[in-house]
């Protein structure tokens, strides 16, 4: 379950696993935002207030991720089409959760439209094979790096004019 990726199965299948994946990332993002808020801005006193403040961030973000995932996959199952409209509907659902979190329809409607547009861009990128985040190259200095030849160019035979040297015997050492 922890190694499952969102796009391992087609849209509309394994909805619970997909909800778990998106909620996991939303919880991590919420924990980061909540940590910043608790340490830098709100400074709640006591464990109960601190936990409440952290949950104030994590809860709605997980709700937004869940609303997006469930709406997108249920729309896929109902409509029978795997297209951008499903993702837009998922973005609208996430925006509505955001508006409820902020207790403002004035914020919720534009958020839903913006998140729906972002979801359409994501769906287009998935369909066309775009890379949103490039792969990070592995470190060259690892425990296994001694087995690799990290030279930039091959040796040029004409320039190999060095010798191994002569063995010099020191029969007397001056001190």
C-alpha atoms as a PDB file:
ATOM      1  CA  UNK A   1       0.000   0.000   0.000  1.00  0.00           C
ATOM      2  CA  UNK A   2       2.878   2.378   0.744  1.00  0.00           C
ATOM      3  CA  UNK A   3       4.559   1.698  -2.608  1.00  0.00           C
ATOM      4  CA  UNK A   4       1.394   2.174  -4.667  1.00  0.00           C
ATOM      5  CA  UNK A   5       1.441   5.084  -7.108  1.00  0.00           C
ATOM      6  CA  UNK A   6      -1.678   6.921  -8.258  1.00  0.00           C
ATOM      7  CA  UNK A   7      -1.319   5.955 -11.899  1.00  0.00           C
ATOM      8  CA  UNK A   8      -0.451   2.279 -11.293  1.00  0.00           C
ATOM      9  CA  UNK A   9      -4.035   1.342 -12.164  1.00  0.00           C
ATOM     10  CA  UNK A  10      -6.461   2.948 -14.639  1.00  0.00           C
ATOM     11  CA  UNK A  11      -8.828   5.719 -13.590  1.00  0.00           C
ATOM     12  CA  UNK A  12     -11.910   4.473 -11.776  1.00  0.00           C
ATOM     13  CA  UNK A  13     -10.182   1.460 -10.238  1.00  0.00           C
ATOM     14  CA  UNK A  14      -8.646   1.030  -6.782  1.00  0.00           C
ATOM     15  CA  UNK A  15     -10.263   4.195  -5.498  1.00  0.00           C
ATOM     16  CA  UNK A  16      -9.361   3.460  -1.869  1.00  0.00           C
ATOM     17  CA  UNK A  17      -5.677   3.073  -2.719  1.00  0.00           C
ATOM     18  CA  UNK A  18      -5.743   6.293  -4.740  1.00  0.00           C
ATOM     19  CA  UNK A  19      -7.421   8.131  -1.857  1.00  0.00           C
ATOM     20  CA  UNK A  20      -4.708   6.838   0.463  1.00  0.00           C
ATOM     21  CA  UNK A  21      -1.942   8.075  -1.857  1.00  0.00           C
ATOM     22  CA  UNK A  22      -3.372  11.572  -2.327  1.00  0.00           C
ATOM     23  CA  UNK A  23      -4.253  11.867   1.362  1.00  0.00           C
ATOM     24  CA  UNK A  24      -0.727  10.874   2.317  1.00  0.00           C
ATOM     25  CA  UNK A  25       0.753  13.708   0.284  1.00  0.00           C
ATOM     26  CA  UNK A  26      -1.878  16.157   1.531  1.00  0.00           C
ATOM     27  CA  UNK A  27      -1.141  15.195   5.139  1.00  0.00           C
ATOM     28  CA  UNK A  28       2.582  15.739   4.601  1.00  0.00           C
ATOM     29  CA  UNK A  29       1.969  19.136   3.016  1.00  0.00           C
ATOM     30  CA  UNK A  30      -0.411  20.023   5.824  1.00  0.00           C
ATOM     31  CA  UNK A  31       2.138  18.970   8.424  1.00  0.00           C
ATOM     32  CA  UNK A  32       4.722  21.244   6.814  1.00  0.00           C
ATOM     33  CA  UNK A  33       2.351  24.216   6.675  1.00  0.00           C
ATOM     34  CA  UNK A  34       1.112  23.559  10.203  1.00  0.00           C
ATOM     35  CA  UNK A  35       4.643  23.296  11.563  1.00  0.00           C
ATOM     36  CA  UNK A  36       5.508  26.627  10.025  1.00  0.00           C
ATOM     37  CA  UNK A  37       2.350  28.185  11.460  1.00  0.00           C
ATOM     38  CA  UNK A  38       2.848  26.733  14.937  1.00  0.00           C
ATOM     39  CA  UNK A  39       6.514  27.659  15.146  1.00  0.00           C
ATOM     40  CA  UNK A  40       6.514  31.025  13.386  1.00  0.00           C
ATOM     41  CA  UNK A  41       3.085  32.568  13.649  1.00  0.00           C
ATOM     42  CA  UNK A  42       0.385  31.317  16.031  1.00  0.00           C
ATOM     43  CA  UNK A  43       2.499  29.938  18.933  1.00  0.00           C
ATOM     44  CA  UNK A  44      -0.276  27.921  20.614  1.00  0.00           C
ATOM     45  CA  UNK A  45       0.169  27.144  24.300  1.00  0.00           C
ATOM     46  CA  UNK A  46      -0.132  23.482  25.342  1.00  0.00           C
ATOM     47  CA  UNK A  47      -0.323  20.175  23.540  1.00  0.00           C
ATOM     48  CA  UNK A  48      -4.070  20.302  22.949  1.00  0.00           C
ATOM     49  CA  UNK A  49      -3.972  23.737  21.301  1.00  0.00           C
ATOM     50  CA  UNK A  50      -0.939  22.767  19.234  1.00  0.00           C
ATOM     51  CA  UNK A  51      -2.602  19.556  18.046  1.00  0.00           C
ATOM     52  CA  UNK A  52      -5.757  21.486  17.196  1.00  0.00           C
ATOM     53  CA  UNK A  53      -3.793  23.998  15.165  1.00  0.00           C
ATOM     54  CA  UNK A  54      -1.976  21.239  13.286  1.00  0.00           C
ATOM     55  CA  UNK A  55      -5.273  19.480  12.558  1.00  0.00           C
ATOM     56  CA  UNK A  56      -6.727  22.781  11.350  1.00  0.00           C
ATOM     57  CA  UNK A  57      -4.314  22.505   8.417  1.00  0.00           C
ATOM     58  CA  UNK A  58      -4.102  18.754   7.874  1.00  0.00           C
ATOM     59  CA  UNK A  59      -7.842  18.020   8.018  1.00  0.00           C
ATOM     60  CA  UNK A  60      -9.015  20.283   5.182  1.00  0.00           C
ATOM     61  CA  UNK A  61      -6.044  19.430   2.967  1.00  0.00           C
ATOM     62  CA  UNK A  62      -6.752  15.714   3.338  1.00  0.00           C
ATOM     63  CA  UNK A  63     -10.411  16.486   2.682  1.00  0.00           C
ATOM     64  CA  UNK A  64      -9.514  18.355  -0.502  1.00  0.00           C
ATOM     65  CA  UNK A  65      -7.340  15.460  -1.701  1.00  0.00           C
ATOM     66  CA  UNK A  66     -10.068  12.956  -0.902  1.00  0.00           C
ATOM     67  CA  UNK A  67     -12.748  15.043  -2.607  1.00  0.00           C
ATOM     68  CA  UNK A  68     -10.604  15.353  -5.733  1.00  0.00           C
ATOM     69  CA  UNK A  69      -9.765  11.658  -5.897  1.00  0.00           C
ATOM     70  CA  UNK A  70     -13.240  10.326  -5.177  1.00  0.00           C
ATOM     71  CA  UNK A  71     -14.957  12.796  -7.514  1.00  0.00           C
ATOM     72  CA  UNK A  72     -12.539  12.121 -10.356  1.00  0.00           C
ATOM     73  CA  UNK A  73     -12.812   8.348 -10.095  1.00  0.00           C
ATOM     74  CA  UNK A  74     -16.579   8.249  -9.517  1.00  0.00           C
ATOM     75  CA  UNK A  75     -17.079  10.560 -12.512  1.00  0.00           C
ATOM     76  CA  UNK A  76     -14.960   8.152 -14.540  1.00  0.00           C
ATOM     77  CA  UNK A  77     -17.135   5.229 -13.466  1.00  0.00           C
ATOM     78  CA  UNK A  78     -20.443   7.067 -14.049  1.00  0.00           C
ATOM     79  CA  UNK A  79     -19.554   8.751 -17.346  1.00  0.00           C
ATOM     80  CA  UNK A  80     -17.491   5.885 -18.716  1.00  0.00           C
ATOM     81  CA  UNK A  81     -14.990   8.319 -20.213  1.00  0.00           C
ATOM     82  CA  UNK A  82     -11.450   9.029 -19.118  1.00  0.00           C
ATOM     83  CA  UNK A  83     -11.133  12.684 -20.057  1.00  0.00           C
ATOM     84  CA  UNK A  84     -10.349  16.116 -18.685  1.00  0.00           C
ATOM     85  CA  UNK A  85     -13.912  16.803 -17.489  1.00  0.00           C
ATOM     86  CA  UNK A  86     -13.468  14.230 -14.707  1.00  0.00           C
ATOM     87  CA  UNK A  87     -10.390  16.054 -13.477  1.00  0.00           C
ATOM     88  CA  UNK A  88     -12.112  19.429 -13.697  1.00  0.00           C
ATOM     89  CA  UNK A  89     -14.967  18.081 -11.585  1.00  0.00           C
ATOM     90  CA  UNK A  90     -12.429  16.778  -9.063  1.00  0.00           C
ATOM     91  CA  UNK A  91     -10.818  20.235  -8.937  1.00  0.00           C
ATOM     92  CA  UNK A  92     -14.231  21.814  -8.361  1.00  0.00           C
ATOM     93  CA  UNK A  93     -14.864  19.421  -5.489  1.00  0.00           C
ATOM     94  CA  UNK A  94     -11.497  20.234  -3.925  1.00  0.00           C
ATOM     95  CA  UNK A  95     -12.202  23.960  -4.334  1.00  0.00           C
ATOM     96  CA  UNK A  96     -15.549  23.575  -2.611  1.00  0.00           C
ATOM     97  CA  UNK A  97     -13.840  21.932   0.377  1.00  0.00           C
ATOM     98  CA  UNK A  98     -11.352  24.807   0.404  1.00  0.00           C
ATOM     99  CA  UNK A  99     -14.198  27.338   0.363  1.00  0.00           C
ATOM    100  CA  UNK A 100     -15.913  25.529   3.246  1.00  0.00           C
ATOM    101  CA  UNK A 101     -12.624  25.525   5.166  1.00  0.00           C
ATOM    102  CA  UNK A 102     -12.287  29.278   4.695  1.00  0.00           C
ATOM    103  CA  UNK A 103     -16.044  29.750   5.290  1.00  0.00           C
ATOM    104  CA  UNK A 104     -16.349  31.826   2.146  1.00  0.00           C
ATOM    105  CA  UNK A 105     -18.141  31.153  -1.108  1.00  0.00           C
ATOM    106  CA  UNK A 106     -16.234  34.097  -2.555  1.00  0.00           C
ATOM    107  CA  UNK A 107     -13.019  32.155  -2.039  1.00  0.00           C
ATOM    108  CA  UNK A 108     -14.444  28.696  -2.799  1.00  0.00           C
ATOM    109  CA  UNK A 109     -15.756  29.374  -6.318  1.00  0.00           C
ATOM    110  CA  UNK A 110     -12.521  30.828  -7.745  1.00  0.00           C
ATOM    111  CA  UNK A 111     -10.520  28.160  -5.904  1.00  0.00           C
ATOM    112  CA  UNK A 112     -12.642  25.454  -7.502  1.00  0.00           C
ATOM    113  CA  UNK A 113     -12.174  26.931 -10.963  1.00  0.00           C
ATOM    114  CA  UNK A 114      -8.423  27.382 -10.467  1.00  0.00           C
ATOM    115  CA  UNK A 115      -7.988  23.864  -9.065  1.00  0.00           C
ATOM    116  CA  UNK A 116     -10.139  22.494 -11.893  1.00  0.00           C
ATOM    117  CA  UNK A 117      -7.950  24.251 -14.466  1.00  0.00           C
ATOM    118  CA  UNK A 118      -4.818  22.937 -12.736  1.00  0.00           C
ATOM    119  CA  UNK A 119      -6.306  19.444 -12.820  1.00  0.00           C
ATOM    120  CA  UNK A 120      -6.959  19.771 -16.559  1.00  0.00           C
ATOM    121  CA  UNK A 121      -3.314  20.730 -17.067  1.00  0.00           C
ATOM    122  CA  UNK A 122      -2.235  17.732 -14.981  1.00  0.00           C
ATOM    123  CA  UNK A 123      -4.489  15.374 -16.964  1.00  0.00           C
ATOM    124  CA  UNK A 124      -3.195  16.775 -20.253  1.00  0.00           C
ATOM    125  CA  UNK A 125       0.354  16.277 -19.037  1.00  0.00           C
ATOM    126  CA  UNK A 126      -0.340  12.693 -18.046  1.00  0.00           C
ATOM    127  CA  UNK A 127      -2.012  11.923 -21.367  1.00  0.00           C
ATOM    128  CA  UNK A 128       0.809  13.486 -23.401  1.00  0.00           C
ATOM    129  CA  UNK A 129       3.701  12.264 -21.243  1.00  0.00           C
ATOM    130  CA  UNK A 130       4.897  15.590 -19.846  1.00  0.00           C
ATOM    131  CA  UNK A 131       7.398  15.683 -17.011  1.00  0.00           C
ATOM    132  CA  UNK A 132       6.319  18.071 -14.282  1.00  0.00           C
ATOM    133  CA  UNK A 133       9.245  17.282 -11.984  1.00  0.00           C
ATOM    134  CA  UNK A 134      12.496  16.089 -13.516  1.00  0.00           C
ATOM    135  CA  UNK A 135      14.185  13.008 -12.135  1.00  0.00           C
ATOM    136  CA  UNK A 136      16.890  13.749  -9.623  1.00  0.00           C
ATOM    137  CA  UNK A 137      20.242  12.223 -10.554  1.00  0.00           C
ATOM    138  CA  UNK A 138      21.808   9.980  -7.977  1.00  0.00           C
ATOM    139  CA  UNK A 139      24.862  11.124  -6.070  1.00  0.00           C
ATOM    140  CA  UNK A 140      28.164  10.248  -7.691  1.00  0.00           C
ATOM    141  CA  UNK A 141      29.991   9.688  -4.431  1.00  0.00           C
ATOM    142  CA  UNK A 142      28.233   6.718  -2.906  1.00  0.00           C
ATOM    143  CA  UNK A 143      29.359   3.411  -1.497  1.00  0.00           C
ATOM    144  CA  UNK A 144      29.049   1.882  -4.969  1.00  0.00           C
ATOM    145  CA  UNK A 145      30.861   4.644  -6.848  1.00  0.00           C
ATOM    146  CA  UNK A 146      34.245   2.926  -6.735  1.00  0.00           C
ATOM    147  CA  UNK A 147      33.028   0.415  -9.305  1.00  0.00           C
ATOM    148  CA  UNK A 148      32.232   3.117 -11.871  1.00  0.00           C
ATOM    149  CA  UNK A 149      34.584   4.965 -14.181  1.00  0.00           C
ATOM    150  CA  UNK A 150      33.698   8.640 -13.643  1.00  0.00           C
ATOM    151  CA  UNK A 151      36.194  10.059 -16.151  1.00  0.00           C
ATOM    152  CA  UNK A 152      34.790  12.522 -18.623  1.00  0.00           C
ATOM    153  CA  UNK A 153      36.834  11.407 -21.641  1.00  0.00           C
ATOM    154  CA  UNK A 154      38.672   8.288 -22.713  1.00  0.00           C
ATOM    155  CA  UNK A 155      42.456   8.191 -22.475  1.00  0.00           C
ATOM    156  CA  UNK A 156      44.278   9.234 -25.651  1.00  0.00           C
ATOM    157  CA  UNK A 157      46.985   6.723 -26.435  1.00  0.00           C
ATOM    158  CA  UNK A 158      49.343   9.292 -28.036  1.00  0.00           C
ATOM    159  CA  UNK A 159      49.428  11.342 -24.856  1.00  0.00           C
ATOM    160  CA  UNK A 160      50.328   8.411 -22.649  1.00  0.00           C
ATOM    161  CA  UNK A 161      54.060   9.159 -22.537  1.00  0.00           C
ATOM    162  CA  UNK A 162      54.613   8.652 -18.880  1.00  0.00           C
ATOM    163  CA  UNK A 163      56.694   5.890 -17.407  1.00  0.00           C
ATOM    164  CA  UNK A 164      56.463   3.983 -14.219  1.00  0.00           C
ATOM    165  CA  UNK A 165      59.845   5.295 -13.157  1.00  0.00           C
ATOM    166  CA  UNK A 166      62.964   3.549 -12.000  1.00  0.00           C
ATOM    167  CA  UNK A 167      63.468   1.883  -8.725  1.00  0.00           C
ATOM    168  CA  UNK A 168      65.996   3.915  -6.794  1.00  0.00           C
ATOM    169  CA  UNK A 169      67.977   2.246  -4.084  1.00  0.00           C
ATOM    170  CA  UNK A 170      69.046   4.483  -1.270  1.00  0.00           C
ATOM    171  CA  UNK A 171      72.340   3.061  -0.174  1.00  0.00           C
ATOM    172  CA  UNK A 172      73.147   5.945   2.058  1.00  0.00           C
ATOM    173  CA  UNK A 173      70.887   8.439   3.682  1.00  0.00           C
ATOM    174  CA  UNK A 174      72.183  11.845   4.681  1.00  0.00           C
ATOM    175  CA  UNK A 175      70.762  13.185   7.883  1.00  0.00           C
END
